[in-house]
Amino acid sequence: MKSFFIIFFALSPLALAQSPLDLLELNRHAEQIDPNAQTAAPDKSVQATEESEEQRIITINPDYAGSPLDALWAHAVFYENAQNPYIQSIAFAGMLHSQGAWGSIKSDTQQENLAQTSTRRVRLGARMKAFYKTDIEAIADLDPDSGGQDLNTLKAEINLTGRDRLSVGKFRPHFGYESRSSQNLPVIERSLIGNLLLPERTLGAVYTHDFNLSSASIGYFSGSTANGLPGFDSSGYVYAGAEGLFSLVEGAPLSQRWHLDYIYNADPAGSESITQSRFNGARNFSSQIPIENPMFRHLFSAGVEIEEERWNFVANAMLARNESALWGVTLQPTYWLMPGTLQLVGRIHYAKSSSDRALVRGYGVGTDPTRGIGPYDSGDEFYSIYDGANLHIYQDKLKIMSGLEYSKLIDNTSDTSTESLLFHAAARLAF
């Protein structure tokens, strides 16, 4: 851990050559240095920035009611001095996520009753604001189940001008709705298609330009992965993305956002950061047939998010193709039954593959089969329905989540299917 923090503080000189201008951002998914930065809630306020008499955009910030816990979370900032030209603030950052799953899994050949609990995530690190325009984030992923330690994120985001910024380090690009931190997602587990196609965190750089109501990004990432800092041992991938607002009127309760992302994988067979080959040779739950997954060169994601004072609706589609294709659609509505406190969540997900057994899905605690502890299965068609409720004790920082999910995974090659009905519950603490 000592070397981890040495790397963190060594990143700060990256900003020395830049001028101190304020960073203008559009619906960014990364958390800010302030541990009380608000990331989800029913009520919205609109902020505008002007540059050269032109109204620029426009970050939508949610408002939570004041809480006795505000003072407790404020202690995460252990240094703050706006007059210091080098370091303006340093704050602790972290997450604790414990989870359980109970229910049954049934295939054409066997049935299993499932009861699992696990501490899925223990993360610890720091965030620094330096030179008035550089945000540095370093997060270690401490895995209590395996006893290992990972460098989850080591990222510096530098404000080059009022409209341009550069992100460098080990991180994941914004590829689809589910690429945002799990802390900000209203469901306990990501969708099947999200788990399969989201890139691993690896070394890369992304340049972003902000327009009036949108932003565009271009970047390059390594094809290698590692527990610490990966190298560039294999060909990487090119990332391009755009996001923006359909319309925004100051004071209006409705916001409409869109995103469009693309990845070109230069080495489908050898890439470690974008690959399904890690499942090859494994045997699935229902038919015990070895899995042979295709690898993809082109990956796409597109979606919209509509948010009103109490409700939110997300529609997201993902597609990957090379010699074969895999795609999926997610529809996710949420509604604040008690604004800022009790949120109802629903999700409908469908995925399809043109290749045999290309859809791989875990069950129980951790549906990502590379990280879960339960059984997994494969097929070429999948659908699921999720209904749940989340109790927000303190913003998105402390919440209790629960949901009931029915799913069916079909393997048309072997004419088998696997059905599951599982109740999920989780507690998340973040600062």
Protein backbone atom coordinates (compact mmCIF):
# COMPACT_ATOMS: atom_id res chain seq x y z
CA MET A 1 0.00 0.00 0.00
CA LYS A 2 2.95 2.34 0.57
CA SER A 3 3.94 2.21 -3.09
CA PHE A 4 0.31 2.78 -4.05
CA PHE A 5 0.22 6.20 -2.37
CA ILE A 6 3.69 7.09 -3.69
CA ILE A 7 2.32 6.64 -7.23
CA PHE A 8 -0.72 8.74 -6.31
CA PHE A 9 1.28 11.76 -5.18
CA ALA A 10 3.74 11.36 -8.05
CA LEU A 11 0.98 12.04 -10.57
CA SER A 12 0.31 15.60 -9.41
CA PRO A 13 3.17 17.27 -11.39
CA LEU A 14 1.37 16.38 -14.64
CA ALA A 15 -0.57 19.62 -14.27
CA LEU A 16 2.34 22.05 -13.90
CA ALA A 17 2.37 23.17 -17.49
CA GLN A 18 -1.30 24.12 -17.66
CA SER A 19 -3.10 27.39 -16.92
CA PRO A 20 -5.55 27.44 -13.97
CA LEU A 21 -8.98 27.61 -15.62
CA ASP A 22 -12.22 26.22 -14.21
CA LEU A 23 -13.29 22.84 -15.54
CA LEU A 24 -16.64 22.77 -17.28
CA GLU A 25 -18.20 19.34 -17.38
CA LEU A 26 -21.25 17.67 -18.90
CA ASN A 27 -22.92 14.94 -16.84
CA ARG A 28 -19.60 13.48 -15.77
CA HIS A 29 -19.69 10.04 -14.14
CA ALA A 30 -16.50 10.38 -12.08
CA GLU A 31 -16.94 11.59 -8.51
CA GLN A 32 -15.58 14.97 -7.49
CA ILE A 33 -13.02 15.74 -4.82
CA ASP A 34 -15.71 16.92 -2.42
CA PRO A 35 -16.96 13.81 -0.61
CA ASN A 36 -20.37 15.45 -0.30
CA ALA A 37 -20.64 15.92 -4.07
CA GLN A 38 -24.19 14.88 -4.90
CA THR A 39 -24.64 12.16 -7.46
CA ALA A 40 -28.29 11.17 -7.53
CA ALA A 41 -31.58 12.55 -6.29
CA PRO A 42 -35.02 13.61 -7.37
CA ASP A 43 -34.70 17.40 -7.31
CA LYS A 44 -32.57 19.14 -9.90
CA SER A 45 -30.95 22.53 -10.19
CA VAL A 46 -29.20 23.94 -13.20
CA GLN A 47 -25.90 25.77 -13.23
CA ALA A 48 -24.61 27.75 -16.18
CA THR A 49 -21.20 29.14 -16.96
CA GLU A 50 -20.39 32.03 -19.30
CA GLU A 51 -17.28 32.39 -21.38
CA SER A 52 -16.81 35.36 -23.75
CA GLU A 53 -20.46 36.32 -23.25
CA GLU A 54 -21.56 32.89 -24.57
CA GLN A 55 -23.63 30.69 -22.30
CA ARG A 56 -21.85 27.38 -21.89
CA ILE A 57 -23.19 24.49 -20.28
CA ILE A 58 -24.47 23.28 -17.82
CA THR A 59 -24.08 20.71 -15.22
CA ILE A 60 -27.22 19.23 -13.68
CA ASN A 61 -26.66 18.94 -9.95
CA PRO A 62 -29.15 17.17 -7.70
CA ASP A 63 -30.20 18.58 -4.35
CA TYR A 64 -30.55 16.51 -1.19
CA ALA A 65 -32.10 17.78 2.00
CA GLY A 66 -29.69 18.56 4.81
CA SER A 67 -28.79 15.63 7.04
CA PRO A 68 -27.11 15.16 10.44
CA LEU A 69 -24.70 12.89 8.54
CA ASP A 70 -23.35 15.82 6.47
CA ALA A 71 -20.79 16.63 9.17
CA LEU A 72 -19.64 13.01 9.36
CA TRP A 73 -19.00 12.71 5.61
CA ALA A 74 -17.27 16.11 5.60
CA HIS A 75 -14.46 14.56 7.67
CA ALA A 76 -13.37 12.66 4.55
CA VAL A 77 -11.67 15.91 3.44
CA PHE A 78 -8.52 15.96 5.54
CA TYR A 79 -6.83 18.88 3.75
CA GLU A 80 -8.41 21.94 2.12
CA ASN A 81 -6.74 25.25 1.27
CA ALA A 82 -7.96 27.22 -1.73
CA GLN A 83 -5.02 29.63 -1.36
CA ASN A 84 -2.41 26.91 -1.88
CA PRO A 85 -1.36 27.16 -5.56
CA TYR A 86 -0.20 23.53 -5.66
CA ILE A 87 -2.72 21.41 -3.74
CA GLN A 88 -6.20 22.74 -2.99
CA SER A 89 -7.71 19.68 -1.31
CA ILE A 90 -7.16 16.02 -0.50
CA ALA A 91 -9.96 13.66 0.53
CA PHE A 92 -10.24 10.02 1.46
CA ALA A 93 -12.30 7.91 -0.96
CA GLY A 94 -13.64 4.41 -0.62
CA MET A 95 -16.49 1.94 -0.88
CA LEU A 96 -17.76 -1.05 1.09
CA HIS A 97 -20.30 -3.29 -0.61
CA SER A 98 -21.78 -6.39 1.05
CA GLN A 99 -24.32 -8.51 -0.76
CA GLY A 100 -26.46 -11.64 -0.55
CA ALA A 101 -28.56 -13.73 -2.94
CA TRP A 102 -31.19 -16.39 -2.18
CA GLY A 103 -33.35 -18.44 -4.49
CA SER A 104 -33.29 -21.25 -7.03
CA ILE A 105 -31.67 -22.05 -10.37
CA LYS A 106 -33.27 -24.72 -12.55
CA SER A 107 -32.16 -26.17 -15.86
CA ASP A 108 -33.51 -29.05 -17.94
CA THR A 109 -31.12 -31.42 -16.18
CA GLN A 110 -30.66 -30.18 -12.62
CA GLN A 111 -31.79 -27.74 -9.94
CA GLU A 112 -29.85 -25.86 -7.28
CA ASN A 113 -31.03 -23.83 -4.29
CA LEU A 114 -28.78 -20.86 -3.74
CA ALA A 115 -27.95 -18.99 -0.52
CA GLN A 116 -24.85 -16.79 -0.68
CA THR A 117 -23.41 -13.79 1.08
CA SER A 118 -20.18 -11.98 0.30
CA THR A 119 -18.35 -8.69 0.71
CA ARG A 120 -18.09 -7.81 -2.96
CA ARG A 121 -16.08 -4.59 -2.85
CA VAL A 122 -13.69 -2.99 -0.40
CA ARG A 123 -12.06 0.05 -1.97
CA LEU A 124 -9.82 2.66 -0.41
CA GLY A 125 -7.92 5.59 -1.82
CA ALA A 126 -7.83 9.36 -2.14
CA ARG A 127 -8.79 12.22 -4.44
CA MET A 128 -6.75 15.36 -4.88
CA LYS A 129 -7.46 18.75 -6.43
CA ALA A 130 -4.18 20.29 -7.61
CA PHE A 131 -3.02 23.39 -9.50
CA TYR A 132 -6.66 24.61 -9.65
CA LYS A 133 -7.45 22.47 -12.67
CA THR A 134 -6.29 18.90 -12.13
CA ASP A 135 -8.30 16.15 -10.41
CA ILE A 136 -6.28 13.11 -9.35
CA GLU A 137 -7.95 9.89 -8.21
CA ALA A 138 -6.20 6.79 -6.82
CA ILE A 139 -8.29 3.85 -5.62
CA ALA A 140 -7.11 0.45 -4.40
CA ASP A 141 -9.46 -2.52 -4.75
CA LEU A 142 -9.06 -4.76 -1.71
CA ASP A 143 -10.63 -8.15 -2.37
CA PRO A 144 -11.56 -9.76 0.96
CA ASP A 145 -12.56 -13.07 -0.63
CA SER A 146 -9.24 -13.73 -2.38
CA GLY A 147 -7.01 -11.67 -0.09
CA GLY A 148 -5.51 -9.87 -3.06
CA GLN A 149 -5.03 -6.18 -3.75
CA ASP A 150 -5.62 -4.37 -7.02
CA LEU A 151 -4.93 -0.88 -8.23
CA ASN A 152 -8.48 -0.18 -9.32
CA THR A 153 -8.02 3.38 -10.62
CA LEU A 154 -5.12 5.78 -10.98
CA LYS A 155 -6.32 8.74 -13.03
CA ALA A 156 -5.42 12.38 -13.55
CA GLU A 157 -7.91 14.65 -15.34
CA ILE A 158 -6.33 17.90 -16.51
CA ASN A 159 -8.29 20.95 -17.61
CA LEU A 160 -6.37 22.18 -20.65
CA THR A 161 -8.69 25.07 -21.49
CA GLY A 162 -12.22 26.04 -20.57
CA ARG A 163 -13.52 23.49 -23.08
CA ASP A 164 -10.76 20.87 -23.34
CA ARG A 165 -9.55 18.28 -20.86
CA LEU A 166 -7.22 15.30 -20.88
CA SER A 167 -7.58 12.15 -18.76
CA VAL A 168 -4.60 9.81 -18.36
CA GLY A 169 -3.86 6.78 -16.20
CA LYS A 170 -5.51 3.48 -15.39
CA PHE A 171 -9.28 3.75 -15.74
CA ARG A 172 -12.26 2.68 -17.83
CA PRO A 173 -13.73 4.92 -20.56
CA HIS A 174 -17.39 5.95 -20.52
CA PHE A 175 -18.80 3.13 -22.62
CA GLY A 176 -22.53 2.91 -22.09
CA TYR A 177 -24.75 3.76 -19.15
CA GLU A 178 -23.42 0.96 -16.93
CA SER A 179 -19.80 2.11 -17.17
CA ARG A 180 -20.46 4.58 -14.35
CA SER A 181 -19.45 3.61 -10.84
CA SER A 182 -21.57 0.89 -9.23
CA GLN A 183 -22.18 3.40 -6.42
CA ASN A 184 -24.33 5.42 -8.82
CA LEU A 185 -26.31 2.52 -10.29
CA PRO A 186 -29.78 1.84 -8.81
CA VAL A 187 -29.59 -1.93 -9.39
CA ILE A 188 -27.36 -4.31 -7.45
CA GLU A 189 -25.89 -6.10 -10.49
CA ARG A 190 -25.12 -4.87 -13.98
CA SER A 191 -26.93 -6.42 -16.94
CA LEU A 192 -25.59 -9.48 -18.74
CA ILE A 193 -24.56 -7.47 -21.81
CA GLY A 194 -22.89 -4.85 -19.63
CA ASN A 195 -20.81 -7.43 -17.78
CA LEU A 196 -19.68 -9.00 -21.06
CA LEU A 197 -18.80 -5.90 -23.06
CA LEU A 198 -17.55 -3.29 -20.59
CA PRO A 199 -13.76 -2.93 -21.00
CA GLU A 200 -11.43 -3.73 -18.13
CA ARG A 201 -9.61 -0.86 -16.43
CA THR A 202 -6.24 -0.39 -18.08
CA LEU A 203 -3.72 2.28 -19.10
CA GLY A 204 -5.05 4.87 -21.48
CA ALA A 205 -5.62 8.49 -22.36
CA VAL A 206 -8.81 10.31 -23.41
CA TYR A 207 -9.09 13.83 -24.83
CA THR A 208 -12.50 15.51 -24.41
CA HIS A 209 -13.88 18.72 -25.93
CA ASP A 210 -17.01 20.39 -24.54
CA PHE A 211 -19.47 22.05 -26.89
CA ASN A 212 -22.46 24.11 -25.79
CA LEU A 213 -24.83 21.20 -25.17
CA SER A 214 -22.61 18.19 -25.78
CA SER A 215 -19.10 16.79 -25.49
CA ALA A 216 -16.95 14.52 -27.68
CA SER A 217 -14.06 12.28 -26.66
CA ILE A 218 -11.33 10.29 -28.38
CA GLY A 219 -8.81 8.02 -26.71
CA TYR A 220 -6.52 5.02 -26.80
CA PHE A 221 -6.17 2.20 -24.25
CA SER A 222 -3.80 -0.70 -23.76
CA GLY A 223 -4.85 -4.23 -24.59
CA SER A 224 -3.07 -5.52 -21.46
CA THR A 225 -4.39 -5.82 -17.92
CA ALA A 226 -2.66 -6.23 -14.55
CA ASN A 227 -3.40 -6.03 -10.83
CA GLY A 228 -1.13 -2.99 -10.69
CA LEU A 229 -0.17 -0.79 -13.63
CA PRO A 230 -0.44 -2.73 -16.91
CA GLY A 231 1.91 -2.27 -19.83
CA PHE A 232 1.33 -2.20 -23.58
CA ASP A 233 2.23 -5.82 -24.29
CA SER A 234 -0.57 -6.31 -26.81
CA SER A 235 -2.41 -4.14 -29.29
CA GLY A 236 -4.94 -1.86 -27.65
CA TYR A 237 -8.20 -0.27 -28.66
CA VAL A 238 -9.39 3.12 -29.90
CA TYR A 239 -12.30 4.71 -28.05
CA ALA A 240 -14.62 7.43 -29.34
CA GLY A 241 -17.64 8.78 -27.48
CA ALA A 242 -20.13 11.62 -27.41
CA GLU A 243 -22.82 12.69 -24.96
CA GLY A 244 -25.11 15.64 -24.58
CA LEU A 245 -28.52 17.08 -23.83
CA PHE A 246 -31.53 17.08 -26.10
CA SER A 247 -32.72 20.31 -24.54
CA LEU A 248 -32.29 22.17 -21.31
CA VAL A 249 -34.21 25.17 -20.04
CA GLU A 250 -33.01 26.70 -16.80
CA GLY A 251 -35.35 25.79 -13.98
CA ALA A 252 -37.16 23.06 -15.91
CA PRO A 253 -37.71 19.80 -13.99
CA LEU A 254 -36.98 17.63 -17.05
CA SER A 255 -33.59 16.71 -18.48
CA GLN A 256 -32.92 14.50 -21.50
CA ARG A 257 -29.45 13.10 -22.08
CA TRP A 258 -28.00 10.93 -24.83
CA HIS A 259 -24.75 9.08 -25.41
CA LEU A 260 -23.08 7.30 -28.33
CA ASP A 261 -19.86 5.28 -27.91
CA TYR A 262 -17.64 3.19 -30.18
CA ILE A 263 -14.59 0.97 -29.60
CA TYR A 264 -12.28 -0.43 -32.27
CA ASN A 265 -10.40 -3.42 -30.87
CA ALA A 266 -7.15 -3.81 -32.84
CA ASP A 267 -6.46 -7.34 -31.59
CA PRO A 268 -9.65 -9.35 -30.93
CA ALA A 269 -7.74 -12.59 -30.36
CA GLY A 270 -5.03 -11.21 -28.09
CA SER A 271 -6.65 -8.35 -26.17
CA GLU A 272 -6.94 -8.81 -22.42
CA SER A 273 -8.93 -5.63 -21.82
CA ILE A 274 -11.74 -6.50 -24.30
CA THR A 275 -12.24 -10.24 -24.60
CA GLN A 276 -14.60 -13.07 -23.76
CA SER A 277 -11.95 -15.74 -24.28
CA ARG A 278 -11.46 -15.95 -20.50
CA PHE A 279 -14.51 -18.26 -20.46
CA ASN A 280 -13.20 -20.65 -23.11
CA GLY A 281 -12.99 -24.25 -21.95
CA ALA A 282 -15.21 -23.71 -18.90
CA ARG A 283 -18.35 -25.81 -18.57
CA ASN A 284 -21.78 -24.34 -18.08
CA PHE A 285 -24.40 -25.15 -15.44
CA SER A 286 -27.16 -26.61 -17.61
CA SER A 287 -25.56 -28.91 -20.17
CA GLN A 288 -21.90 -29.11 -19.13
CA ILE A 289 -20.79 -28.21 -22.66
CA PRO A 290 -17.43 -26.40 -23.01
CA ILE A 291 -17.85 -22.72 -23.74
CA GLU A 292 -16.27 -21.33 -26.90
CA ASN A 293 -16.69 -17.57 -27.00
CA PRO A 294 -16.10 -15.34 -30.01
CA MET A 295 -13.95 -12.23 -29.78
CA PHE A 296 -15.06 -8.88 -31.13
CA ARG A 297 -13.43 -6.07 -33.08
CA HIS A 298 -16.23 -3.47 -33.18
CA LEU A 299 -18.26 -2.50 -30.09
CA PHE A 300 -21.08 0.07 -29.97
CA SER A 301 -23.25 1.56 -27.26
CA ALA A 302 -26.08 4.07 -27.55
CA GLY A 303 -28.71 5.26 -25.11
CA VAL A 304 -30.89 7.96 -23.63
CA GLU A 305 -31.72 8.98 -20.07
CA ILE A 306 -34.80 11.03 -19.23
CA GLU A 307 -35.01 12.44 -15.72
CA GLU A 308 -37.79 14.33 -14.01
CA GLU A 309 -38.28 15.43 -10.42
CA ARG A 310 -39.36 12.00 -9.19
CA TRP A 311 -38.77 9.55 -12.02
CA ASN A 312 -35.97 8.49 -14.30
CA PHE A 313 -35.94 6.29 -17.41
CA VAL A 314 -32.87 4.77 -19.06
CA ALA A 315 -32.77 2.97 -22.41
CA ASN A 316 -29.41 1.55 -23.44
CA ALA A 317 -28.33 -0.72 -26.31
CA MET A 318 -24.98 -2.45 -26.83
CA LEU A 319 -23.62 -4.34 -29.85
CA ALA A 320 -20.39 -6.22 -30.50
CA ARG A 321 -19.42 -7.88 -33.75
CA ASN A 322 -16.60 -9.43 -35.72
CA GLU A 323 -17.35 -12.67 -37.52
CA SER A 324 -20.40 -13.02 -35.29
CA ALA A 325 -22.58 -10.56 -33.38
CA LEU A 326 -23.84 -10.10 -29.83
CA TRP A 327 -26.31 -7.43 -28.76
CA GLY A 328 -28.54 -6.44 -25.88
CA VAL A 329 -31.11 -3.85 -24.80
CA THR A 330 -31.83 -2.57 -21.29
CA LEU A 331 -34.88 -0.57 -20.16
CA GLN A 332 -34.67 0.77 -16.61
CA PRO A 333 -37.28 3.01 -14.93
CA THR A 334 -36.94 4.35 -11.38
CA TYR A 335 -39.34 6.34 -9.21
CA TRP A 336 -38.78 8.18 -5.91
CA LEU A 337 -41.66 7.01 -3.71
CA MET A 338 -40.20 9.15 -0.90
CA PRO A 339 -37.99 11.78 -2.56
CA GLY A 340 -34.37 11.35 -1.59
CA THR A 341 -35.12 8.36 0.65
CA LEU A 342 -37.05 5.47 -0.93
CA GLN A 343 -36.61 4.66 -4.61
CA LEU A 344 -38.42 1.99 -6.64
CA VAL A 345 -36.39 0.35 -9.41
CA GLY A 346 -37.30 -1.80 -12.40
CA ARG A 347 -35.27 -3.29 -15.24
CA ILE A 348 -36.05 -5.33 -18.33
CA HIS A 349 -33.09 -6.79 -20.18
CA TYR A 350 -32.82 -8.81 -23.39
CA ALA A 351 -29.68 -10.15 -25.10
CA LYS A 352 -29.08 -12.24 -28.20
CA SER A 353 -26.05 -13.78 -29.90
CA SER A 354 -25.50 -15.22 -33.35
CA SER A 355 -22.81 -17.54 -31.92
CA ASP A 356 -23.35 -20.66 -29.84
CA ARG A 357 -23.07 -20.08 -26.08
CA ALA A 358 -21.61 -16.57 -26.46
CA LEU A 359 -23.80 -15.21 -23.64
CA VAL A 360 -22.22 -16.08 -20.30
CA ARG A 361 -23.96 -15.23 -17.05
CA GLY A 362 -23.20 -15.82 -13.39
CA TYR A 363 -25.80 -16.43 -10.69
CA GLY A 364 -26.02 -15.36 -7.09
CA VAL A 365 -23.53 -12.89 -5.64
CA GLY A 366 -21.82 -11.38 -8.66
CA THR A 367 -23.46 -11.99 -12.04
CA ASP A 368 -20.21 -11.05 -13.80
CA PRO A 369 -18.81 -14.59 -14.24
CA THR A 370 -15.23 -13.33 -13.93
CA ARG A 371 -15.88 -11.97 -10.42
CA GLY A 372 -18.89 -13.82 -9.03
CA ILE A 373 -18.77 -16.74 -6.61
CA GLY A 374 -21.86 -18.60 -7.82
CA PRO A 375 -22.45 -20.99 -10.73
CA TYR A 376 -22.68 -19.66 -14.26
CA ASP A 377 -24.29 -20.71 -17.52
CA SER A 378 -24.11 -19.93 -21.21
CA GLY A 379 -26.48 -19.69 -24.14
CA ASP A 380 -27.43 -17.58 -27.12
CA GLU A 381 -30.60 -15.84 -25.88
CA PHE A 382 -31.38 -14.24 -22.53
CA TYR A 383 -34.03 -12.13 -20.85
CA SER A 384 -34.60 -10.95 -17.29
CA ILE A 385 -37.01 -8.84 -15.22
CA TYR A 386 -35.89 -7.06 -12.06
CA ASP A 387 -38.07 -5.25 -9.48
CA GLY A 388 -36.60 -3.68 -6.38
CA ALA A 389 -36.45 -0.86 -3.86
CA ASN A 390 -33.54 1.15 -2.43
CA LEU A 391 -33.45 2.89 0.94
CA HIS A 392 -31.11 5.90 0.78
CA ILE A 393 -29.94 6.57 4.33
CA TYR A 394 -27.50 9.23 3.19
CA GLN A 395 -27.65 10.33 -0.45
CA ASP A 396 -25.98 7.73 -2.69
CA LYS A 397 -23.26 7.31 -0.07
CA LEU A 398 -25.11 4.98 2.28
CA LYS A 399 -27.98 2.86 1.03
CA ILE A 400 -29.65 -0.51 1.43
CA MET A 401 -30.75 -2.17 -1.81
CA SER A 402 -33.03 -5.11 -2.57
CA GLY A 403 -34.61 -6.68 -5.61
CA LEU A 404 -36.26 -9.79 -7.03
CA GLU A 405 -35.06 -10.98 -10.45
CA TYR A 406 -36.39 -13.63 -12.81
CA SER A 407 -34.17 -14.69 -15.70
CA LYS A 408 -34.10 -17.26 -18.47
CA LEU A 409 -31.03 -18.23 -20.49
CA ILE A 410 -31.65 -20.32 -23.61
CA ASP A 411 -29.10 -22.47 -25.44
CA ASN A 412 -30.68 -23.24 -28.80
CA THR A 413 -27.72 -25.38 -29.85
CA SER A 414 -28.31 -28.02 -27.17
CA ASP A 415 -32.03 -27.17 -26.88
CA THR A 416 -31.68 -26.45 -23.15
CA SER A 417 -32.53 -23.51 -20.91
CA THR A 418 -31.85 -22.31 -17.39
CA GLU A 419 -34.34 -20.33 -15.29
CA SER A 420 -33.66 -18.54 -12.04
CA LEU A 421 -35.66 -16.65 -9.45
CA LEU A 422 -33.36 -14.88 -6.99
CA PHE A 423 -33.82 -12.30 -4.27
CA HIS A 424 -30.85 -9.92 -3.99
CA ALA A 425 -30.00 -7.62 -1.07
CA ALA A 426 -26.99 -5.34 -0.63
CA ALA A 427 -25.61 -2.55 1.53
CA ARG A 428 -23.29 0.08 0.06
CA LEU A 429 -21.19 2.62 1.92
CA ALA A 430 -19.14 5.15 -0.04
CA PHE A 431 -17.21 8.31 0.78
